[in-house]
Amino acid sequence: MDDSNDPARNAAATPAALPAATDTATPPAVTAMPWQGWRQATPARIALGRAGVAIPTDEALRFGWAHAMARDAIHAPLDAEALADALRGAGHAVLQARSRADDRATYLRRPDLGRQLHPEDALALQAHTAQSAGPKPTLCVVVGDGLSSLAVQRHAVPLLQALAPLLPADATVAPVVVVRQARVAVADEVGELLGASLSAMLIGERPGLSSPDSLGIYLTLAPRRGRSDAERNCISNVRAEGLSYASAAFKLAWLMRQARRLGATGVALKDDSDAEWALAQAQPPAGRLPGGSGGSR
C-alpha cells in the first residue's frame, strides 16, 4: 500500500522537529593579525592575516606581483645606449665595455666571467689611457647592470649629479665606464687600466620582494685585479624608499676623503659619516654640504 501521502508518516520522517537555526553574524573572510598597525612602519610582509589555513587572496596576488618584478629586474637587459646618453646629457664623458659573460644566462651561471672585462674592451681602455694627457684620475666611476638593470637606469645619473659638488677641488674624474653583464669586481680591472686612485662601482643589487631597483656603491682604493671584498666599502639600498641620493653621495664623498687620508678602504675604514651628515642637515653651509671643497671634473 502506497502511504507516501500519509501526513502522519511524512511529519515523522521530515526534520521539522529539529530546532530552528539561530541567526548569527557572518564571520569575516579574513582573520586580521593583532600587529596590523606595524605594517605602516615597514614594507616587510608581516600581519598578512589569514583566510582559513591560507593567506588572503589579495596578499597572495601582491606576493606574485612582487616576485615577478624581482625576476624582471634580474633578466631585463640594460639599455646601455640610453644610459650613456643620459650620462652625457649630465656632462659626463662616457666609455662602454662588456664583461666576459656573453649573455644574461651565462652571466647568471658564471659569476666569475662577470668579474672580468671582455679582452677587446680591456685593450680599448688601455689604449684610452695611453692616449690621455694629464695626471692620472683620482676617481673612476663604473656603472654596471649587476642584478638589476632597472636600478642603474633610474639612479646612476641623479646620484652622480648629487656627488659632483662634493668632490674635492683637486679631484680628477675619469670618463664614466658603463659595463654590461657586470659584477662588482670588474671595477677593479677598469680602475687599474685607467690608472685611477679610487674606483666607485655603481651596480644594481639583488632584488628583494619590495626593492627591485636598489642600487649599491662599492668604493675601492688602488683598484687592481685580485682585490677582495674585504678591501671595499659598500653603500647599499640607494633608491626612493631607501637611502636618498644626497645621503648616499655624502657618504661616498666622506669615504673617498678618508680613504685618501688613511690609505685604505674596506675593513680598515669605518664609516662614521652619519654624525657629519646629521650636522649638515641641521646646519647646512650656504650652498654646500660640509667636506666638499670644489666641483671640478
C-alpha atoms as a PDB file:
ATOM      1  CA  MET A   1       0.000   0.000   0.000  1.00  0.00           C
ATOM      2  CA  ASP A   2       1.368   3.409  -1.013  1.00  0.00           C
ATOM      3  CA  ASP A   3       1.446   5.621   2.092  1.00  0.00           C
ATOM      4  CA  SER A   4       3.613   8.384   0.691  1.00  0.00           C
ATOM      5  CA  ASN A   5       0.749  10.804   1.156  1.00  0.00           C
ATOM      6  CA  ASP A   6       0.166   9.873   4.783  1.00  0.00           C
ATOM      7  CA  PRO A   7       0.541  13.202   6.725  1.00  0.00           C
ATOM      8  CA  ALA A   8       1.469  11.500   9.989  1.00  0.00           C
ATOM      9  CA  ARG A   9       4.240   9.433   8.404  1.00  0.00           C
ATOM     10  CA  ASN A  10       5.625  12.393   6.480  1.00  0.00           C
ATOM     11  CA  ALA A  11       5.706  14.565   9.578  1.00  0.00           C
ATOM     12  CA  ALA A  12       7.727  11.936  11.417  1.00  0.00           C
ATOM     13  CA  ALA A  13      10.126  11.482   8.517  1.00  0.00           C
ATOM     14  CA  THR A  14      10.937  15.133   7.928  1.00  0.00           C
ATOM     15  CA  PRO A  15      13.402  17.168  10.035  1.00  0.00           C
ATOM     16  CA  ALA A  16      10.743  19.626  11.046  1.00  0.00           C
ATOM     17  CA  ALA A  17      11.185  18.572  14.638  1.00  0.00           C
ATOM     18  CA  LEU A  18      14.823  19.764  14.654  1.00  0.00           C
ATOM     19  CA  PRO A  19      15.452  23.081  16.421  1.00  0.00           C
ATOM     20  CA  ALA A  20      15.476  26.039  14.066  1.00  0.00           C
ATOM     21  CA  ALA A  21      18.896  27.557  13.342  1.00  0.00           C
ATOM     22  CA  THR A  22      19.544  30.806  15.144  1.00  0.00           C
ATOM     23  CA  ASP A  23      20.606  33.857  13.106  1.00  0.00           C
ATOM     24  CA  THR A  24      24.311  34.660  13.571  1.00  0.00           C
ATOM     25  CA  ALA A  25      26.570  37.313  12.032  1.00  0.00           C
ATOM     26  CA  THR A  26      28.632  36.111   9.034  1.00  0.00           C
ATOM     27  CA  PRO A  27      32.261  35.725  10.158  1.00  0.00           C
ATOM     28  CA  PRO A  28      34.809  37.879   8.300  1.00  0.00           C
ATOM     29  CA  ALA A  29      36.502  36.216   5.325  1.00  0.00           C
ATOM     30  CA  VAL A  30      39.957  37.270   6.591  1.00  0.00           C
ATOM     31  CA  THR A  31      41.136  36.942  10.178  1.00  0.00           C
ATOM     32  CA  ALA A  32      43.231  40.020  10.964  1.00  0.00           C
ATOM     33  CA  MET A  33      46.516  39.799  12.851  1.00  0.00           C
ATOM     34  CA  PRO A  34      46.874  41.722  16.148  1.00  0.00           C
ATOM     35  CA  TRP A  35      50.013  43.572  14.980  1.00  0.00           C
ATOM     36  CA  GLN A  36      48.316  45.083  11.919  1.00  0.00           C
ATOM     37  CA  GLY A  37      49.488  48.592  12.862  1.00  0.00           C
ATOM     38  CA  TRP A  38      53.132  47.586  12.386  1.00  0.00           C
ATOM     39  CA  ARG A  39      52.612  47.402   8.638  1.00  0.00           C
ATOM     40  CA  GLN A  40      52.712  51.184   8.488  1.00  0.00           C
ATOM     41  CA  ALA A  41      56.368  51.122   9.553  1.00  0.00           C
ATOM     42  CA  THR A  42      57.811  48.506   7.192  1.00  0.00           C
ATOM     43  CA  PRO A  43      57.360  47.054   3.708  1.00  0.00           C
ATOM     44  CA  ALA A  44      58.144  43.610   5.149  1.00  0.00           C
ATOM     45  CA  ARG A  45      55.405  41.003   4.789  1.00  0.00           C
ATOM     46  CA  ILE A  46      54.051  40.927   8.319  1.00  0.00           C
ATOM     47  CA  ALA A  47      50.495  40.778   9.721  1.00  0.00           C
ATOM     48  CA  LEU A  48      49.103  39.366   6.488  1.00  0.00           C
ATOM     49  CA  GLY A  49      46.073  37.859   8.188  1.00  0.00           C
ATOM     50  CA  ARG A  50      44.646  34.511   7.131  1.00  0.00           C
ATOM     51  CA  ALA A  51      41.717  33.061   5.276  1.00  0.00           C
ATOM     52  CA  GLY A  52      41.138  29.676   6.828  1.00  0.00           C
ATOM     53  CA  VAL A  53      44.546  27.993   6.811  1.00  0.00           C
ATOM     54  CA  ALA A  54      45.905  30.086   3.910  1.00  0.00           C
ATOM     55  CA  ILE A  55      46.985  33.680   3.353  1.00  0.00           C
ATOM     56  CA  PRO A  56      44.341  36.025   1.935  1.00  0.00           C
ATOM     57  CA  THR A  57      43.967  36.141  -1.837  1.00  0.00           C
ATOM     58  CA  ASP A  58      44.992  39.795  -2.116  1.00  0.00           C
ATOM     59  CA  GLU A  59      48.230  39.067  -0.232  1.00  0.00           C
ATOM     60  CA  ALA A  60      48.945  36.096  -2.490  1.00  0.00           C
ATOM     61  CA  LEU A  61      48.467  38.350  -5.521  1.00  0.00           C
ATOM     62  CA  ARG A  62      50.747  41.030  -4.044  1.00  0.00           C
ATOM     63  CA  PHE A  63      53.439  38.412  -3.434  1.00  0.00           C
ATOM     64  CA  GLY A  64      53.162  37.158  -7.026  1.00  0.00           C
ATOM     65  CA  TRP A  65      53.426  40.707  -8.356  1.00  0.00           C
ATOM     66  CA  ALA A  66      56.499  41.474  -6.227  1.00  0.00           C
ATOM     67  CA  HIS A  67      58.153  38.202  -7.277  1.00  0.00           C
ATOM     68  CA  ALA A  68      57.509  38.996 -10.946  1.00  0.00           C
ATOM     69  CA  MET A  69      59.023  42.470 -10.509  1.00  0.00           C
ATOM     70  CA  ALA A  70      62.150  40.950  -8.949  1.00  0.00           C
ATOM     71  CA  ARG A  71      62.510  38.422 -11.778  1.00  0.00           C
ATOM     72  CA  ASP A  72      62.047  41.133 -14.399  1.00  0.00           C
ATOM     73  CA  ALA A  73      64.703  43.288 -12.724  1.00  0.00           C
ATOM     74  CA  ILE A  74      67.224  40.437 -12.916  1.00  0.00           C
ATOM     75  CA  HIS A  75      66.526  39.434 -16.516  1.00  0.00           C
ATOM     76  CA  ALA A  76      65.777  42.814 -18.129  1.00  0.00           C
ATOM     77  CA  PRO A  77      68.708  43.899 -20.333  1.00  0.00           C
ATOM     78  CA  LEU A  78      70.459  47.175 -19.629  1.00  0.00           C
ATOM     79  CA  ASP A  79      69.762  49.858 -22.227  1.00  0.00           C
ATOM     80  CA  ALA A  80      73.411  50.904 -22.277  1.00  0.00           C
ATOM     81  CA  GLU A  81      72.946  53.418 -25.089  1.00  0.00           C
ATOM     82  CA  ALA A  82      70.130  55.243 -23.287  1.00  0.00           C
ATOM     83  CA  LEU A  83      72.133  55.296 -20.055  1.00  0.00           C
ATOM     84  CA  ALA A  84      75.222  56.579 -21.860  1.00  0.00           C
ATOM     85  CA  ASP A  85      73.151  59.337 -23.486  1.00  0.00           C
ATOM     86  CA  ALA A  86      71.710  60.333 -20.103  1.00  0.00           C
ATOM     87  CA  LEU A  87      75.198  60.474 -18.596  1.00  0.00           C
ATOM     88  CA  ARG A  88      76.478  62.613 -21.472  1.00  0.00           C
ATOM     89  CA  GLY A  89      73.474  64.868 -21.054  1.00  0.00           C
ATOM     90  CA  ALA A  90      74.521  65.366 -17.423  1.00  0.00           C
ATOM     91  CA  GLY A  91      78.007  66.432 -18.517  1.00  0.00           C
ATOM     92  CA  HIS A  92      79.979  63.173 -18.193  1.00  0.00           C
ATOM     93  CA  ALA A  93      82.363  61.648 -20.690  1.00  0.00           C
ATOM     94  CA  VAL A  94      81.331  58.020 -21.225  1.00  0.00           C
ATOM     95  CA  LEU A  95      83.023  54.804 -22.325  1.00  0.00           C
ATOM     96  CA  GLN A  96      81.279  51.463 -22.780  1.00  0.00           C
ATOM     97  CA  ALA A  97      82.513  47.943 -22.135  1.00  0.00           C
ATOM     98  CA  ARG A  98      81.388  44.347 -21.638  1.00  0.00           C
ATOM     99  CA  SER A  99      82.339  41.601 -19.259  1.00  0.00           C
ATOM    100  CA  ARG A 100      83.348  38.156 -20.470  1.00  0.00           C
ATOM    101  CA  ALA A 101      79.782  36.908 -19.944  1.00  0.00           C
ATOM    102  CA  ASP A 102      78.322  36.980 -23.450  1.00  0.00           C
ATOM    103  CA  ASP A 103      74.655  36.878 -22.435  1.00  0.00           C
ATOM    104  CA  ARG A 104      72.393  37.038 -19.406  1.00  0.00           C
ATOM    105  CA  ALA A 105      72.121  33.274 -18.966  1.00  0.00           C
ATOM    106  CA  THR A 106      75.912  32.941 -18.902  1.00  0.00           C
ATOM    107  CA  TYR A 107      76.179  35.910 -16.552  1.00  0.00           C
ATOM    108  CA  LEU A 108      73.826  34.312 -14.027  1.00  0.00           C
ATOM    109  CA  ARG A 109      75.507  30.898 -14.207  1.00  0.00           C
ATOM    110  CA  ARG A 110      79.135  32.118 -14.299  1.00  0.00           C
ATOM    111  CA  PRO A 111      79.737  34.967 -11.815  1.00  0.00           C
ATOM    112  CA  ASP A 112      83.472  34.696 -12.485  1.00  0.00           C
ATOM    113  CA  LEU A 113      83.022  35.861 -16.082  1.00  0.00           C
ATOM    114  CA  GLY A 114      81.121  38.945 -14.925  1.00  0.00           C
ATOM    115  CA  ARG A 115      84.172  39.961 -12.883  1.00  0.00           C
ATOM    116  CA  GLN A 116      86.443  40.182 -15.940  1.00  0.00           C
ATOM    117  CA  LEU A 117      86.418  42.615 -18.843  1.00  0.00           C
ATOM    118  CA  HIS A 118      85.999  41.341 -22.366  1.00  0.00           C
ATOM    119  CA  PRO A 119      89.548  41.235 -23.848  1.00  0.00           C
ATOM    120  CA  GLU A 120      88.668  43.650 -26.666  1.00  0.00           C
ATOM    121  CA  ASP A 121      87.266  46.206 -24.248  1.00  0.00           C
ATOM    122  CA  ALA A 122      90.232  45.836 -21.906  1.00  0.00           C
ATOM    123  CA  LEU A 123      92.513  46.723 -24.826  1.00  0.00           C
ATOM    124  CA  ALA A 124      90.284  49.691 -25.692  1.00  0.00           C
ATOM    125  CA  LEU A 125      90.513  51.071 -22.145  1.00  0.00           C
ATOM    126  CA  GLN A 126      94.259  50.533 -22.154  1.00  0.00           C
ATOM    127  CA  ALA A 127      94.512  52.467 -25.408  1.00  0.00           C
ATOM    128  CA  HIS A 128      92.367  55.262 -23.996  1.00  0.00           C
ATOM    129  CA  THR A 129      94.741  55.612 -21.046  1.00  0.00           C
ATOM    130  CA  ALA A 130      97.777  55.647 -23.308  1.00  0.00           C
ATOM    131  CA  GLN A 131      96.280  58.465 -25.381  1.00  0.00           C
ATOM    132  CA  SER A 132      95.133  60.540 -22.419  1.00  0.00           C
ATOM    133  CA  ALA A 133      97.172  63.527 -21.374  1.00  0.00           C
ATOM    134  CA  GLY A 134      97.434  64.948 -17.892  1.00  0.00           C
ATOM    135  CA  PRO A 135      97.570  63.333 -14.460  1.00  0.00           C
ATOM    136  CA  LYS A 136      96.035  60.006 -13.610  1.00  0.00           C
ATOM    137  CA  PRO A 137      92.440  60.290 -12.395  1.00  0.00           C
ATOM    138  CA  THR A 138      91.567  60.428  -8.727  1.00  0.00           C
ATOM    139  CA  LEU A 139      88.319  58.583  -9.306  1.00  0.00           C
ATOM    140  CA  CYS A 140      86.885  56.304 -11.932  1.00  0.00           C
ATOM    141  CA  VAL A 141      83.159  55.600 -11.805  1.00  0.00           C
ATOM    142  CA  VAL A 142      81.967  52.287 -13.225  1.00  0.00           C
ATOM    143  CA  VAL A 143      78.249  51.732 -13.797  1.00  0.00           C
ATOM    144  CA  GLY A 144      77.248  48.087 -14.142  1.00  0.00           C
ATOM    145  CA  ASP A 145      73.870  46.427 -14.579  1.00  0.00           C
ATOM    146  CA  GLY A 146      74.537  43.791 -11.922  1.00  0.00           C
ATOM    147  CA  LEU A 147      71.374  42.010 -10.809  1.00  0.00           C
ATOM    148  CA  SER A 148      69.053  44.942 -11.506  1.00  0.00           C
ATOM    149  CA  SER A 149      69.455  46.977 -14.674  1.00  0.00           C
ATOM    150  CA  LEU A 150      66.412  48.941 -13.505  1.00  0.00           C
ATOM    151  CA  ALA A 151      68.425  50.283 -10.555  1.00  0.00           C
ATOM    152  CA  VAL A 152      71.218  51.821 -12.629  1.00  0.00           C
ATOM    153  CA  GLN A 153      68.824  53.155 -15.285  1.00  0.00           C
ATOM    154  CA  ARG A 154      66.908  55.023 -12.568  1.00  0.00           C
ATOM    155  CA  HIS A 155      69.550  56.066 -10.072  1.00  0.00           C
ATOM    156  CA  ALA A 156      73.040  56.327 -11.600  1.00  0.00           C
ATOM    157  CA  VAL A 157      72.653  59.776 -13.178  1.00  0.00           C
ATOM    158  CA  PRO A 158      70.943  61.577 -10.242  1.00  0.00           C
ATOM    159  CA  LEU A 159      73.405  60.033  -7.794  1.00  0.00           C
ATOM    160  CA  LEU A 160      76.396  61.314  -9.780  1.00  0.00           C
ATOM    161  CA  GLN A 161      74.745  64.739 -10.002  1.00  0.00           C
ATOM    162  CA  ALA A 162      74.461  64.773  -6.205  1.00  0.00           C
ATOM    163  CA  LEU A 163      78.116  63.705  -5.876  1.00  0.00           C
ATOM    164  CA  ALA A 164      79.658  66.293  -8.230  1.00  0.00           C
ATOM    165  CA  PRO A 165      79.588  69.329  -5.876  1.00  0.00           C
ATOM    166  CA  LEU A 166      81.029  67.263  -3.022  1.00  0.00           C
ATOM    167  CA  LEU A 167      84.223  66.225  -4.789  1.00  0.00           C
ATOM    168  CA  PRO A 168      87.470  67.904  -3.676  1.00  0.00           C
ATOM    169  CA  ALA A 169      88.736  70.717  -5.888  1.00  0.00           C
ATOM    170  CA  ASP A 170      91.869  68.751  -6.760  1.00  0.00           C
ATOM    171  CA  ALA A 171      89.974  65.590  -7.763  1.00  0.00           C
ATOM    172  CA  THR A 172      90.105  64.490 -11.376  1.00  0.00           C
ATOM    173  CA  VAL A 173      87.472  62.096 -12.678  1.00  0.00           C
ATOM    174  CA  ALA A 174      87.918  59.573 -15.485  1.00  0.00           C
ATOM    175  CA  PRO A 175      85.160  59.000 -18.037  1.00  0.00           C
ATOM    176  CA  VAL A 176      82.266  57.006 -16.625  1.00  0.00           C
ATOM    177  CA  VAL A 177      82.532  53.410 -17.850  1.00  0.00           C
ATOM    178  CA  VAL A 178      79.230  51.611 -18.464  1.00  0.00           C
ATOM    179  CA  VAL A 179      79.751  47.837 -18.292  1.00  0.00           C
ATOM    180  CA  ARG A 180      77.167  45.273 -19.375  1.00  0.00           C
ATOM    181  CA  GLN A 181      76.844  41.893 -17.581  1.00  0.00           C
ATOM    182  CA  ALA A 182      78.940  43.315 -14.740  1.00  0.00           C
ATOM    183  CA  ARG A 183      79.840  42.046 -11.299  1.00  0.00           C
ATOM    184  CA  VAL A 184      81.384  44.264  -8.624  1.00  0.00           C
ATOM    185  CA  ALA A 185      84.989  43.147  -9.154  1.00  0.00           C
ATOM    186  CA  VAL A 186      85.038  44.225 -12.805  1.00  0.00           C
ATOM    187  CA  ALA A 187      85.599  47.764 -11.488  1.00  0.00           C
ATOM    188  CA  ASP A 188      88.983  46.617 -10.171  1.00  0.00           C
ATOM    189  CA  GLU A 189      90.189  45.876 -13.693  1.00  0.00           C
ATOM    190  CA  VAL A 190      88.635  49.051 -15.103  1.00  0.00           C
ATOM    191  CA  GLY A 191      90.243  51.198 -12.406  1.00  0.00           C
ATOM    192  CA  GLU A 192      93.597  49.519 -12.914  1.00  0.00           C
ATOM    193  CA  LEU A 193      93.529  50.070 -16.687  1.00  0.00           C
ATOM    194  CA  LEU A 194      92.556  53.732 -16.266  1.00  0.00           C
ATOM    195  CA  GLY A 195      95.196  54.253 -13.579  1.00  0.00           C
ATOM    196  CA  ALA A 196      92.697  55.635 -11.047  1.00  0.00           C
ATOM    197  CA  SER A 197      93.447  56.092  -7.363  1.00  0.00           C
ATOM    198  CA  LEU A 198      89.877  55.116  -6.413  1.00  0.00           C
ATOM    199  CA  SER A 199      87.109  53.229  -8.164  1.00  0.00           C
ATOM    200  CA  ALA A 200      83.427  53.585  -7.351  1.00  0.00           C
ATOM    201  CA  MET A 201      81.207  50.839  -8.709  1.00  0.00           C
ATOM    202  CA  LEU A 202      77.515  51.726  -9.090  1.00  0.00           C
ATOM    203  CA  ILE A 203      75.657  48.467  -9.590  1.00  0.00           C
ATOM    204  CA  GLY A 204      72.167  47.006  -9.387  1.00  0.00           C
ATOM    205  CA  GLU A 205      71.753  44.965  -6.221  1.00  0.00           C
ATOM    206  CA  ARG A 206      69.997  41.624  -5.904  1.00  0.00           C
ATOM    207  CA  PRO A 207      66.264  42.468  -5.936  1.00  0.00           C
ATOM    208  CA  GLY A 208      64.171  41.868  -2.860  1.00  0.00           C
ATOM    209  CA  LEU A 209      60.428  41.346  -2.894  1.00  0.00           C
ATOM    210  CA  SER A 210      59.944  45.021  -2.049  1.00  0.00           C
ATOM    211  CA  SER A 211      63.041  46.508  -3.696  1.00  0.00           C
ATOM    212  CA  PRO A 212      63.547  45.615  -7.376  1.00  0.00           C
ATOM    213  CA  ASP A 213      65.527  48.820  -8.081  1.00  0.00           C
ATOM    214  CA  SER A 214      68.061  49.038  -5.258  1.00  0.00           C
ATOM    215  CA  LEU A 215      71.469  50.480  -6.186  1.00  0.00           C
ATOM    216  CA  GLY A 216      74.729  49.619  -4.446  1.00  0.00           C
ATOM    217  CA  ILE A 217      78.016  51.569  -4.422  1.00  0.00           C
ATOM    218  CA  TYR A 218      81.404  49.907  -3.859  1.00  0.00           C
ATOM    219  CA  LEU A 219      84.474  52.071  -3.212  1.00  0.00           C
ATOM    220  CA  THR A 220      87.962  50.590  -3.614  1.00  0.00           C
ATOM    221  CA  LEU A 221      91.323  52.276  -3.097  1.00  0.00           C
ATOM    222  CA  ALA A 222      94.080  51.474  -5.612  1.00  0.00           C
ATOM    223  CA  PRO A 223      91.843  49.187  -7.687  1.00  0.00           C
ATOM    224  CA  ARG A 224      93.522  46.240  -9.347  1.00  0.00           C
ATOM    225  CA  ARG A 225      92.642  42.706 -10.286  1.00  0.00           C
ATOM    226  CA  GLY A 226      92.685  40.396  -7.291  1.00  0.00           C
ATOM    227  CA  ARG A 227      91.211  42.818  -4.763  1.00  0.00           C
ATOM    228  CA  SER A 228      88.858  41.137  -2.267  1.00  0.00           C
ATOM    229  CA  ASP A 229      85.502  42.290  -0.948  1.00  0.00           C
ATOM    230  CA  ALA A 230      87.188  42.966   2.415  1.00  0.00           C
ATOM    231  CA  GLU A 231      89.063  45.799   0.682  1.00  0.00           C
ATOM    232  CA  ARG A 232      85.898  47.680  -0.349  1.00  0.00           C
ATOM    233  CA  ASN A 233      83.373  49.906   1.372  1.00  0.00           C
ATOM    234  CA  CYS A 234      79.741  49.361   0.429  1.00  0.00           C
ATOM    235  CA  ILE A 235      76.857  51.834   0.431  1.00  0.00           C
ATOM    236  CA  SER A 236      73.610  49.960  -0.102  1.00  0.00           C
ATOM    237  CA  ASN A 237      69.912  50.455  -0.785  1.00  0.00           C
ATOM    238  CA  VAL A 238      70.076  53.687  -2.774  1.00  0.00           C
ATOM    239  CA  ARG A 239      66.512  54.238  -4.039  1.00  0.00           C
ATOM    240  CA  ALA A 240      63.448  56.353  -3.395  1.00  0.00           C
ATOM    241  CA  GLU A 241      62.267  54.174  -0.479  1.00  0.00           C
ATOM    242  CA  GLY A 242      65.772  53.703   0.923  1.00  0.00           C
ATOM    243  CA  LEU A 243      68.918  55.853   1.077  1.00  0.00           C
ATOM    244  CA  SER A 244      68.478  59.198  -0.685  1.00  0.00           C
ATOM    245  CA  TYR A 245      70.833  60.430  -3.406  1.00  0.00           C
ATOM    246  CA  ALA A 246      72.015  63.281  -1.186  1.00  0.00           C
ATOM    247  CA  SER A 247      72.814  60.981   1.725  1.00  0.00           C
ATOM    248  CA  ALA A 248      74.500  58.350  -0.462  1.00  0.00           C
ATOM    249  CA  ALA A 249      76.602  60.989  -2.232  1.00  0.00           C
ATOM    250  CA  PHE A 250      77.633  62.482   1.107  1.00  0.00           C
ATOM    251  CA  LYS A 251      78.712  59.041   2.384  1.00  0.00           C
ATOM    252  CA  LEU A 252      80.672  58.331  -0.796  1.00  0.00           C
ATOM    253  CA  ALA A 253      82.483  61.682  -0.718  1.00  0.00           C
ATOM    254  CA  TRP A 254      83.250  61.214   3.005  1.00  0.00           C
ATOM    255  CA  LEU A 255      84.640  57.725   2.382  1.00  0.00           C
ATOM    256  CA  MET A 256      86.753  58.989  -0.509  1.00  0.00           C
ATOM    257  CA  ARG A 257      88.365  61.646   1.690  1.00  0.00           C
ATOM    258  CA  GLN A 258      89.029  59.185   4.489  1.00  0.00           C
ATOM    259  CA  ALA A 259      90.392  56.568   2.095  1.00  0.00           C
ATOM    260  CA  ARG A 260      92.916  59.048   0.735  1.00  0.00           C
ATOM    261  CA  ARG A 261      93.849  60.119   4.261  1.00  0.00           C
ATOM    262  CA  LEU A 262      94.227  56.590   5.685  1.00  0.00           C
ATOM    263  CA  GLY A 263      95.457  54.886   2.537  1.00  0.00           C
ATOM    264  CA  ALA A 264      92.861  52.136   2.854  1.00  0.00           C
ATOM    265  CA  THR A 265      89.290  51.097   2.135  1.00  0.00           C
ATOM    266  CA  GLY A 266      87.288  48.112   3.360  1.00  0.00           C
ATOM    267  CA  VAL A 267      87.544  46.726   6.868  1.00  0.00           C
ATOM    268  CA  ALA A 268      90.281  49.234   7.706  1.00  0.00           C
ATOM    269  CA  LEU A 269      87.931  52.166   7.029  1.00  0.00           C
ATOM    270  CA  LYS A 270      84.916  52.543   9.295  1.00  0.00           C
ATOM    271  CA  ASP A 271      82.025  54.624   8.005  1.00  0.00           C
ATOM    272  CA  ASP A 272      81.470  57.274  10.679  1.00  0.00           C
ATOM    273  CA  SER A 273      79.838  59.766   8.338  1.00  0.00           C
ATOM    274  CA  ASP A 274      76.392  59.719   9.984  1.00  0.00           C
ATOM    275  CA  ALA A 275      77.311  62.285  12.627  1.00  0.00           C
ATOM    276  CA  GLU A 276      78.599  64.717   9.999  1.00  0.00           C
ATOM    277  CA  TRP A 277      75.531  64.095   7.839  1.00  0.00           C
ATOM    278  CA  ALA A 278      73.238  64.898  10.775  1.00  0.00           C
ATOM    279  CA  LEU A 279      75.171  68.111  11.400  1.00  0.00           C
ATOM    280  CA  ALA A 280      74.951  69.010   7.722  1.00  0.00           C
ATOM    281  CA  GLN A 281      71.207  68.511   7.786  1.00  0.00           C
ATOM    282  CA  ALA A 282      70.825  70.618  10.905  1.00  0.00           C
ATOM    283  CA  GLN A 283      73.118  73.488   9.875  1.00  0.00           C
ATOM    284  CA  PRO A 284      73.967  73.246   6.171  1.00  0.00           C
ATOM    285  CA  PRO A 285      76.580  75.713   4.965  1.00  0.00           C
ATOM    286  CA  ALA A 286      75.384  78.050   2.225  1.00  0.00           C
ATOM    287  CA  GLY A 287      75.168  76.085  -0.979  1.00  0.00           C
ATOM    288  CA  ARG A 288      77.367  73.225   0.189  1.00  0.00           C
ATOM    289  CA  LEU A 289      77.449  70.213   2.461  1.00  0.00           C
ATOM    290  CA  PRO A 290      80.487  70.066   4.760  1.00  0.00           C
ATOM    291  CA  GLY A 291      83.519  68.278   3.443  1.00  0.00           C
ATOM    292  CA  GLY A 292      83.277  69.085  -0.251  1.00  0.00           C
ATOM    293  CA  SER A 293      85.728  71.740  -1.315  1.00  0.00           C
ATOM    294  CA  GLY A 294      85.012  72.088  -5.004  1.00  0.00           C
ATOM    295  CA  GLY A 295      83.329  70.709  -8.058  1.00  0.00           C
ATOM    296  CA  SER A 296      85.844  70.247 -10.861  1.00  0.00           C
ATOM    297  CA  ARG A 297      85.922  67.310 -13.215  1.00  0.00           C
END
